Amino acid sequence: MIKYQLICKNDHEFAGWFKSSDAFDQQVTRKLVDCPDCGSKSIAKTLMAPNLTTSKKKSVDKTAQTQGEILQAMRELRTKVEENAEYVGPKFAEEARRIHYKETEAKGIYGEASLSEAKELADEGIDFLPLPVLPEDQN
């Protein structure tokens, strides 16, 4: 299989996998390849840098990249919560109950809860999610 970076007449770039170079040429000639963005059938290959790696290095690189992307997403999630919700510290379970039972206004909160408090909240049907623990939190 060959992966080509493709472009349509409207400058939308996308990737496509083909059995061979001839298979690509035949499919484009028969108008079987179209742009996923606009549906154009006027498709050409774009310049691509060769990607020559061993399977072991590729696997390690992909794992590191994936881990890095996940960590970045976790950091962004936590930052978004911290910027848009009220920190209630160790009173999280108490505040979550007050919001759930409409004893106070609904708002985003975050804080700490013990495992037993978290289990009790779940048993009461109170929705919550733990914030991700990041590597830098372990210092």
N, C-alpha and C. Protein backbone atom coordinates (compact mmCIF):
# COMPACT_ATOMS: atom_id res chain seq x y z
N MET A 1 0.84 -1.18 0.00
CA MET A 1 0.00 0.00 0.00
C MET A 1 0.89 1.25 0.00
N ILE A 2 0.41 2.25 -0.72
CA ILE A 2 1.12 3.53 -0.80
C ILE A 2 0.19 4.61 -0.29
N LYS A 3 0.72 5.46 0.58
CA LYS A 3 -0.05 6.61 1.07
C LYS A 3 0.41 7.84 0.32
N TYR A 4 -0.54 8.53 -0.31
CA TYR A 4 -0.25 9.77 -1.01
C TYR A 4 -0.94 10.93 -0.31
N GLN A 5 -0.25 12.05 -0.25
CA GLN A 5 -0.87 13.29 0.18
C GLN A 5 -1.47 13.90 -1.08
N LEU A 6 -2.78 14.17 -1.05
CA LEU A 6 -3.50 14.62 -2.24
C LEU A 6 -4.04 16.02 -2.05
N ILE A 7 -4.37 16.66 -3.18
CA ILE A 7 -4.96 17.99 -3.15
C ILE A 7 -5.98 18.08 -4.27
N CYS A 8 -7.09 18.78 -4.00
CA CYS A 8 -8.11 18.95 -5.03
C CYS A 8 -7.94 20.33 -5.66
N LYS A 9 -8.74 20.61 -6.69
CA LYS A 9 -8.62 21.88 -7.40
C LYS A 9 -8.97 23.07 -6.50
N ASN A 10 -9.64 22.81 -5.36
CA ASN A 10 -10.00 23.88 -4.43
C ASN A 10 -9.01 23.99 -3.27
N ASP A 11 -7.83 23.37 -3.44
CA ASP A 11 -6.74 23.42 -2.46
C ASP A 11 -7.03 22.74 -1.12
N HIS A 12 -7.95 21.77 -1.12
CA HIS A 12 -8.17 20.97 0.09
C HIS A 12 -7.18 19.82 0.06
N GLU A 13 -6.42 19.66 1.13
CA GLU A 13 -5.44 18.58 1.20
C GLU A 13 -5.99 17.43 2.03
N PHE A 14 -5.68 16.21 1.61
CA PHE A 14 -6.10 15.01 2.32
C PHE A 14 -5.19 13.86 1.92
N ALA A 15 -5.26 12.77 2.68
CA ALA A 15 -4.42 11.60 2.40
C ALA A 15 -5.26 10.50 1.76
N GLY A 16 -4.60 9.68 0.96
CA GLY A 16 -5.27 8.54 0.34
C GLY A 16 -4.33 7.35 0.24
N TRP A 17 -4.86 6.16 0.44
CA TRP A 17 -4.08 4.93 0.36
C TRP A 17 -4.44 4.20 -0.93
N PHE A 18 -3.39 3.72 -1.63
CA PHE A 18 -3.61 3.03 -2.90
C PHE A 18 -2.73 1.79 -2.96
N LYS A 19 -3.20 0.80 -3.71
CA LYS A 19 -2.47 -0.45 -3.85
C LYS A 19 -1.11 -0.23 -4.51
N SER A 20 -1.10 0.68 -5.49
CA SER A 20 0.14 0.97 -6.21
C SER A 20 0.01 2.34 -6.86
N SER A 21 1.09 2.80 -7.46
CA SER A 21 1.06 4.06 -8.18
C SER A 21 0.12 3.96 -9.37
N ASP A 22 0.14 2.82 -10.05
CA ASP A 22 -0.77 2.60 -11.18
C ASP A 22 -2.23 2.62 -10.73
N ALA A 23 -2.51 2.03 -9.57
CA ALA A 23 -3.87 2.01 -9.06
C ALA A 23 -4.35 3.44 -8.80
N PHE A 24 -3.47 4.28 -8.25
CA PHE A 24 -3.83 5.68 -8.05
C PHE A 24 -4.17 6.34 -9.39
N ASP A 25 -3.27 6.19 -10.37
CA ASP A 25 -3.48 6.82 -11.68
C ASP A 25 -4.80 6.36 -12.31
N GLN A 26 -5.08 5.07 -12.24
CA GLN A 26 -6.32 4.53 -12.82
C GLN A 26 -7.56 5.09 -12.12
N GLN A 27 -7.51 5.14 -10.80
CA GLN A 27 -8.68 5.62 -10.06
C GLN A 27 -8.92 7.11 -10.32
N VAL A 28 -7.86 7.90 -10.41
CA VAL A 28 -8.03 9.33 -10.68
C VAL A 28 -8.56 9.53 -12.10
N THR A 29 -8.03 8.78 -13.06
CA THR A 29 -8.49 8.88 -14.45
C THR A 29 -9.97 8.52 -14.56
N ARG A 30 -10.40 7.51 -13.82
CA ARG A 30 -11.80 7.07 -13.87
C ARG A 30 -12.70 7.90 -12.94
N LYS A 31 -12.13 8.95 -12.32
CA LYS A 31 -12.88 9.84 -11.42
C LYS A 31 -13.46 9.10 -10.21
N LEU A 32 -12.69 8.14 -9.68
CA LEU A 32 -13.14 7.38 -8.52
C LEU A 32 -12.63 7.97 -7.21
N VAL A 33 -11.76 8.97 -7.31
CA VAL A 33 -11.21 9.62 -6.12
C VAL A 33 -11.83 11.00 -6.03
N ASP A 34 -12.38 11.33 -4.85
CA ASP A 34 -12.94 12.66 -4.69
C ASP A 34 -12.52 13.27 -3.36
N CYS A 35 -12.58 14.58 -3.30
CA CYS A 35 -12.19 15.34 -2.12
C CYS A 35 -13.23 15.14 -1.02
N PRO A 36 -12.80 14.77 0.19
CA PRO A 36 -13.76 14.59 1.28
C PRO A 36 -14.39 15.91 1.74
N ASP A 37 -13.75 17.04 1.42
CA ASP A 37 -14.29 18.33 1.85
C ASP A 37 -15.33 18.89 0.88
N CYS A 38 -15.02 18.85 -0.42
CA CYS A 38 -15.91 19.50 -1.38
C CYS A 38 -16.45 18.56 -2.46
N GLY A 39 -15.95 17.33 -2.53
CA GLY A 39 -16.44 16.38 -3.52
C GLY A 39 -15.80 16.51 -4.90
N SER A 40 -14.86 17.42 -5.05
CA SER A 40 -14.20 17.61 -6.34
C SER A 40 -13.51 16.31 -6.77
N LYS A 41 -13.57 16.02 -8.05
CA LYS A 41 -12.91 14.83 -8.59
C LYS A 41 -11.63 15.21 -9.34
N SER A 42 -11.27 16.48 -9.28
CA SER A 42 -10.02 16.95 -9.87
C SER A 42 -8.94 16.87 -8.80
N ILE A 43 -8.21 15.75 -8.79
CA ILE A 43 -7.28 15.40 -7.71
C ILE A 43 -5.87 15.24 -8.25
N ALA A 44 -4.89 15.71 -7.45
CA ALA A 44 -3.48 15.54 -7.81
C ALA A 44 -2.70 15.21 -6.55
N LYS A 45 -1.51 14.63 -6.72
CA LYS A 45 -0.61 14.38 -5.60
C LYS A 45 0.08 15.68 -5.23
N THR A 46 0.36 15.85 -3.93
CA THR A 46 1.16 16.99 -3.49
C THR A 46 2.55 16.48 -3.16
N LEU A 47 3.47 17.39 -2.94
CA LEU A 47 4.82 17.00 -2.56
C LEU A 47 4.80 16.36 -1.18
N MET A 48 5.54 15.28 -1.05
CA MET A 48 5.62 14.58 0.23
C MET A 48 7.07 14.29 0.54
N ALA A 49 7.41 14.42 1.81
CA ALA A 49 8.74 14.02 2.24
C ALA A 49 8.72 12.52 2.48
N PRO A 50 9.75 11.79 2.06
CA PRO A 50 9.75 10.35 2.31
C PRO A 50 9.81 10.07 3.80
N ASN A 51 9.17 9.02 4.20
CA ASN A 51 9.14 8.62 5.60
C ASN A 51 9.79 7.25 5.72
N LEU A 52 11.10 7.23 5.93
CA LEU A 52 11.84 5.99 6.00
C LEU A 52 12.25 5.73 7.44
N THR A 53 11.57 4.78 8.08
CA THR A 53 11.91 4.41 9.44
C THR A 53 11.78 2.91 9.57
N THR A 54 12.44 2.38 10.58
CA THR A 54 12.27 0.96 10.85
C THR A 54 10.97 0.78 11.61
N SER A 55 10.41 -0.40 11.58
CA SER A 55 9.13 -0.62 12.26
C SER A 55 9.28 -0.43 13.76
N LYS A 56 10.43 -0.78 14.34
CA LYS A 56 10.63 -0.62 15.77
C LYS A 56 10.65 0.87 16.14
N LYS A 57 11.43 1.66 15.40
CA LYS A 57 11.51 3.09 15.68
C LYS A 57 10.16 3.74 15.46
N LYS A 58 9.47 3.33 14.42
CA LYS A 58 8.16 3.90 14.10
C LYS A 58 7.19 3.63 15.25
N SER A 59 7.22 2.42 15.79
CA SER A 59 6.34 2.05 16.88
C SER A 59 6.65 2.88 18.12
N VAL A 60 7.93 3.04 18.45
CA VAL A 60 8.33 3.83 19.61
C VAL A 60 7.95 5.29 19.41
N ASP A 61 8.21 5.84 18.22
CA ASP A 61 7.87 7.23 17.93
C ASP A 61 6.37 7.46 18.05
N LYS A 62 5.58 6.54 17.51
CA LYS A 62 4.12 6.69 17.54
C LYS A 62 3.62 6.62 18.98
N THR A 63 4.16 5.71 19.78
CA THR A 63 3.76 5.61 21.18
C THR A 63 4.09 6.89 21.93
N ALA A 64 5.29 7.41 21.74
CA ALA A 64 5.70 8.65 22.40
C ALA A 64 4.82 9.81 21.96
N GLN A 65 4.53 9.86 20.67
CA GLN A 65 3.68 10.94 20.15
C GLN A 65 2.29 10.83 20.76
N THR A 66 1.74 9.63 20.79
CA THR A 66 0.40 9.42 21.34
C THR A 66 0.37 9.79 22.82
N GLN A 67 1.37 9.37 23.58
CA GLN A 67 1.42 9.70 25.01
C GLN A 67 1.51 11.21 25.20
N GLY A 68 2.32 11.86 24.38
CA GLY A 68 2.46 13.31 24.47
C GLY A 68 1.16 14.01 24.15
N GLU A 69 0.44 13.53 23.14
CA GLU A 69 -0.84 14.12 22.77
C GLU A 69 -1.87 13.93 23.88
N ILE A 70 -1.87 12.76 24.49
CA ILE A 70 -2.82 12.48 25.58
C ILE A 70 -2.52 13.39 26.77
N LEU A 71 -1.25 13.49 27.13
CA LEU A 71 -0.88 14.37 28.25
C LEU A 71 -1.28 15.81 27.97
N GLN A 72 -1.06 16.27 26.76
CA GLN A 72 -1.43 17.64 26.40
C GLN A 72 -2.93 17.83 26.51
N ALA A 73 -3.71 16.87 26.05
CA ALA A 73 -5.17 16.96 26.14
C ALA A 73 -5.62 16.96 27.60
N MET A 74 -4.96 16.17 28.44
CA MET A 74 -5.29 16.14 29.86
C MET A 74 -4.99 17.48 30.51
N ARG A 75 -3.84 18.07 30.16
CA ARG A 75 -3.50 19.39 30.70
C ARG A 75 -4.53 20.45 30.28
N GLU A 76 -4.92 20.39 29.01
CA GLU A 76 -5.90 21.36 28.50
C GLU A 76 -7.25 21.19 29.19
N LEU A 77 -7.67 19.94 29.41
CA LEU A 77 -8.93 19.68 30.10
C LEU A 77 -8.89 20.26 31.50
N ARG A 78 -7.83 19.98 32.21
CA ARG A 78 -7.73 20.45 33.59
C ARG A 78 -7.68 21.98 33.65
N THR A 79 -6.95 22.59 32.74
CA THR A 79 -6.88 24.05 32.70
C THR A 79 -8.26 24.64 32.43
N LYS A 80 -8.99 24.05 31.50
CA LYS A 80 -10.33 24.54 31.17
C LYS A 80 -11.25 24.45 32.39
N VAL A 81 -11.20 23.35 33.12
CA VAL A 81 -12.03 23.20 34.32
C VAL A 81 -11.62 24.25 35.35
N GLU A 82 -10.33 24.39 35.59
CA GLU A 82 -9.86 25.34 36.60
C GLU A 82 -10.22 26.79 36.25
N GLU A 83 -10.25 27.10 34.95
CA GLU A 83 -10.59 28.46 34.53
C GLU A 83 -12.10 28.73 34.58
N ASN A 84 -12.92 27.69 34.45
CA ASN A 84 -14.36 27.88 34.30
C ASN A 84 -15.20 27.33 35.44
N ALA A 85 -14.59 26.81 36.47
CA ALA A 85 -15.34 26.25 37.58
C ALA A 85 -14.79 26.80 38.90
N GLU A 86 -15.58 26.69 39.94
CA GLU A 86 -15.20 27.19 41.26
C GLU A 86 -14.51 26.08 42.06
N TYR A 87 -13.37 26.41 42.65
CA TYR A 87 -12.65 25.46 43.50
C TYR A 87 -13.32 25.44 44.87
N VAL A 88 -13.78 24.26 45.31
CA VAL A 88 -14.44 24.14 46.61
C VAL A 88 -13.64 23.28 47.58
N GLY A 89 -12.43 22.90 47.19
CA GLY A 89 -11.53 22.17 48.07
C GLY A 89 -12.11 20.87 48.59
N PRO A 90 -11.92 20.59 49.88
CA PRO A 90 -12.38 19.32 50.45
C PRO A 90 -13.90 19.25 50.63
N LYS A 91 -14.60 20.32 50.31
CA LYS A 91 -16.07 20.32 50.43
C LYS A 91 -16.75 19.91 49.12
N PHE A 92 -16.01 19.23 48.24
CA PHE A 92 -16.57 18.89 46.93
C PHE A 92 -17.84 18.06 47.05
N ALA A 93 -17.83 17.00 47.85
CA ALA A 93 -19.00 16.12 47.95
C ALA A 93 -20.21 16.90 48.47
N GLU A 94 -19.98 17.70 49.49
CA GLU A 94 -21.06 18.50 50.08
C GLU A 94 -21.65 19.47 49.05
N GLU A 95 -20.78 20.18 48.33
CA GLU A 95 -21.24 21.14 47.32
C GLU A 95 -21.93 20.44 46.15
N ALA A 96 -21.41 19.29 45.74
CA ALA A 96 -22.02 18.55 44.64
C ALA A 96 -23.44 18.12 45.01
N ARG A 97 -23.63 17.70 46.25
CA ARG A 97 -24.98 17.32 46.72
C ARG A 97 -25.91 18.53 46.73
N ARG A 98 -25.42 19.65 47.23
CA ARG A 98 -26.25 20.86 47.29
C ARG A 98 -26.70 21.27 45.89
N ILE A 99 -25.81 21.17 44.93
CA ILE A 99 -26.17 21.52 43.54
C ILE A 99 -27.16 20.48 42.99
N HIS A 100 -26.87 19.21 43.22
CA HIS A 100 -27.72 18.14 42.69
C HIS A 100 -29.14 18.24 43.24
N TYR A 101 -29.27 18.52 44.53
CA TYR A 101 -30.59 18.59 45.15
C TYR A 101 -31.19 20.00 45.09
N LYS A 102 -30.59 20.85 44.26
CA LYS A 102 -31.09 22.20 43.98
C LYS A 102 -31.20 23.07 45.24
N GLU A 103 -30.28 22.86 46.17
CA GLU A 103 -30.23 23.70 47.36
C GLU A 103 -29.41 24.96 47.11
N THR A 104 -28.71 24.96 46.01
CA THR A 104 -27.91 26.12 45.60
C THR A 104 -27.90 26.17 44.08
N GLU A 105 -27.44 27.29 43.54
CA GLU A 105 -27.44 27.44 42.08
C GLU A 105 -26.51 26.43 41.40
N ALA A 106 -26.89 26.01 40.21
CA ALA A 106 -26.07 25.08 39.43
C ALA A 106 -24.85 25.83 38.91
N LYS A 107 -23.69 25.25 39.09
CA LYS A 107 -22.44 25.85 38.62
C LYS A 107 -21.39 24.75 38.56
N GLY A 108 -20.35 25.02 37.81
CA GLY A 108 -19.24 24.08 37.74
C GLY A 108 -18.38 24.20 38.98
N ILE A 109 -18.04 23.07 39.55
CA ILE A 109 -17.16 23.06 40.72
C ILE A 109 -16.09 21.99 40.55
N TYR A 110 -15.01 22.15 41.29
CA TYR A 110 -14.00 21.10 41.38
C TYR A 110 -13.37 21.17 42.75
N GLY A 111 -12.82 20.05 43.21
CA GLY A 111 -12.20 20.00 44.52
C GLY A 111 -11.75 18.58 44.80
N GLU A 112 -11.70 18.25 46.09
CA GLU A 112 -11.24 16.92 46.48
C GLU A 112 -12.37 16.14 47.14
N ALA A 113 -12.33 14.83 46.95
CA ALA A 113 -13.27 13.93 47.61
C ALA A 113 -12.55 12.62 47.88
N SER A 114 -12.88 12.02 49.00
CA SER A 114 -12.29 10.72 49.31
C SER A 114 -12.96 9.66 48.44
N LEU A 115 -12.37 8.49 48.42
CA LEU A 115 -12.94 7.39 47.65
C LEU A 115 -14.34 7.05 48.15
N SER A 116 -14.52 7.04 49.46
CA SER A 116 -15.86 6.72 50.01
C SER A 116 -16.86 7.82 49.65
N GLU A 117 -16.45 9.08 49.66
CA GLU A 117 -17.35 10.16 49.26
C GLU A 117 -17.72 10.03 47.79
N ALA A 118 -16.75 9.68 46.96
CA ALA A 118 -17.02 9.52 45.52
C ALA A 118 -18.01 8.38 45.30
N LYS A 119 -17.85 7.28 46.03
CA LYS A 119 -18.77 6.15 45.90
C LYS A 119 -20.18 6.55 46.34
N GLU A 120 -20.28 7.31 47.41
CA GLU A 120 -21.59 7.77 47.89
C GLU A 120 -22.25 8.68 46.85
N LEU A 121 -21.50 9.59 46.26
CA LEU A 121 -22.05 10.46 45.22
C LEU A 121 -22.58 9.64 44.05
N ALA A 122 -21.79 8.65 43.63
CA ALA A 122 -22.21 7.79 42.52
C ALA A 122 -23.47 7.02 42.88
N ASP A 123 -23.54 6.50 44.10
CA ASP A 123 -24.72 5.76 44.56
C ASP A 123 -25.97 6.64 44.57
N GLU A 124 -25.79 7.94 44.81
CA GLU A 124 -26.92 8.89 44.83
C GLU A 124 -27.29 9.37 43.43
N GLY A 125 -26.53 8.93 42.44
CA GLY A 125 -26.82 9.35 41.06
C GLY A 125 -26.30 10.74 40.72
N ILE A 126 -25.34 11.20 41.47
CA ILE A 126 -24.76 12.52 41.24
C ILE A 126 -23.59 12.36 40.28
N ASP A 127 -23.69 13.01 39.13
CA ASP A 127 -22.65 12.90 38.10
C ASP A 127 -21.44 13.75 38.45
N PHE A 128 -20.27 13.16 38.29
CA PHE A 128 -19.01 13.87 38.47
C PHE A 128 -17.92 13.09 37.74
N LEU A 129 -16.83 13.75 37.47
CA LEU A 129 -15.68 13.09 36.84
C LEU A 129 -14.42 13.53 37.57
N PRO A 130 -13.49 12.61 37.80
CA PRO A 130 -12.22 13.01 38.42
C PRO A 130 -11.36 13.77 37.41
N LEU A 131 -10.66 14.76 37.89
CA LEU A 131 -9.71 15.46 37.04
C LEU A 131 -8.49 14.58 36.87
N PRO A 132 -7.84 14.63 35.71
CA PRO A 132 -6.66 13.80 35.50
C PRO A 132 -5.50 14.20 36.41
N VAL A 133 -4.80 13.20 36.89
CA VAL A 133 -3.58 13.43 37.65
C VAL A 133 -2.43 13.48 36.65
N LEU A 134 -1.68 14.55 36.69
CA LEU A 134 -0.59 14.76 35.72
C LEU A 134 0.75 14.40 36.33
N PRO A 135 1.74 14.09 35.50
CA PRO A 135 3.06 13.74 36.02
C PRO A 135 3.63 14.81 36.96
N GLU A 136 3.41 16.08 36.64
CA GLU A 136 3.96 17.14 37.47
C GLU A 136 3.27 17.22 38.85
N ASP A 137 2.11 16.59 39.01
CA ASP A 137 1.42 16.57 40.30
C ASP A 137 2.12 15.64 41.27
N GLN A 138 2.94 14.75 40.79
CA GLN A 138 3.59 13.74 41.62
C GLN A 138 4.84 14.27 42.32
N ASN A 139 5.23 15.48 42.03
CA ASN A 139 6.46 16.06 42.62
C ASN A 139 6.19 16.63 43.98
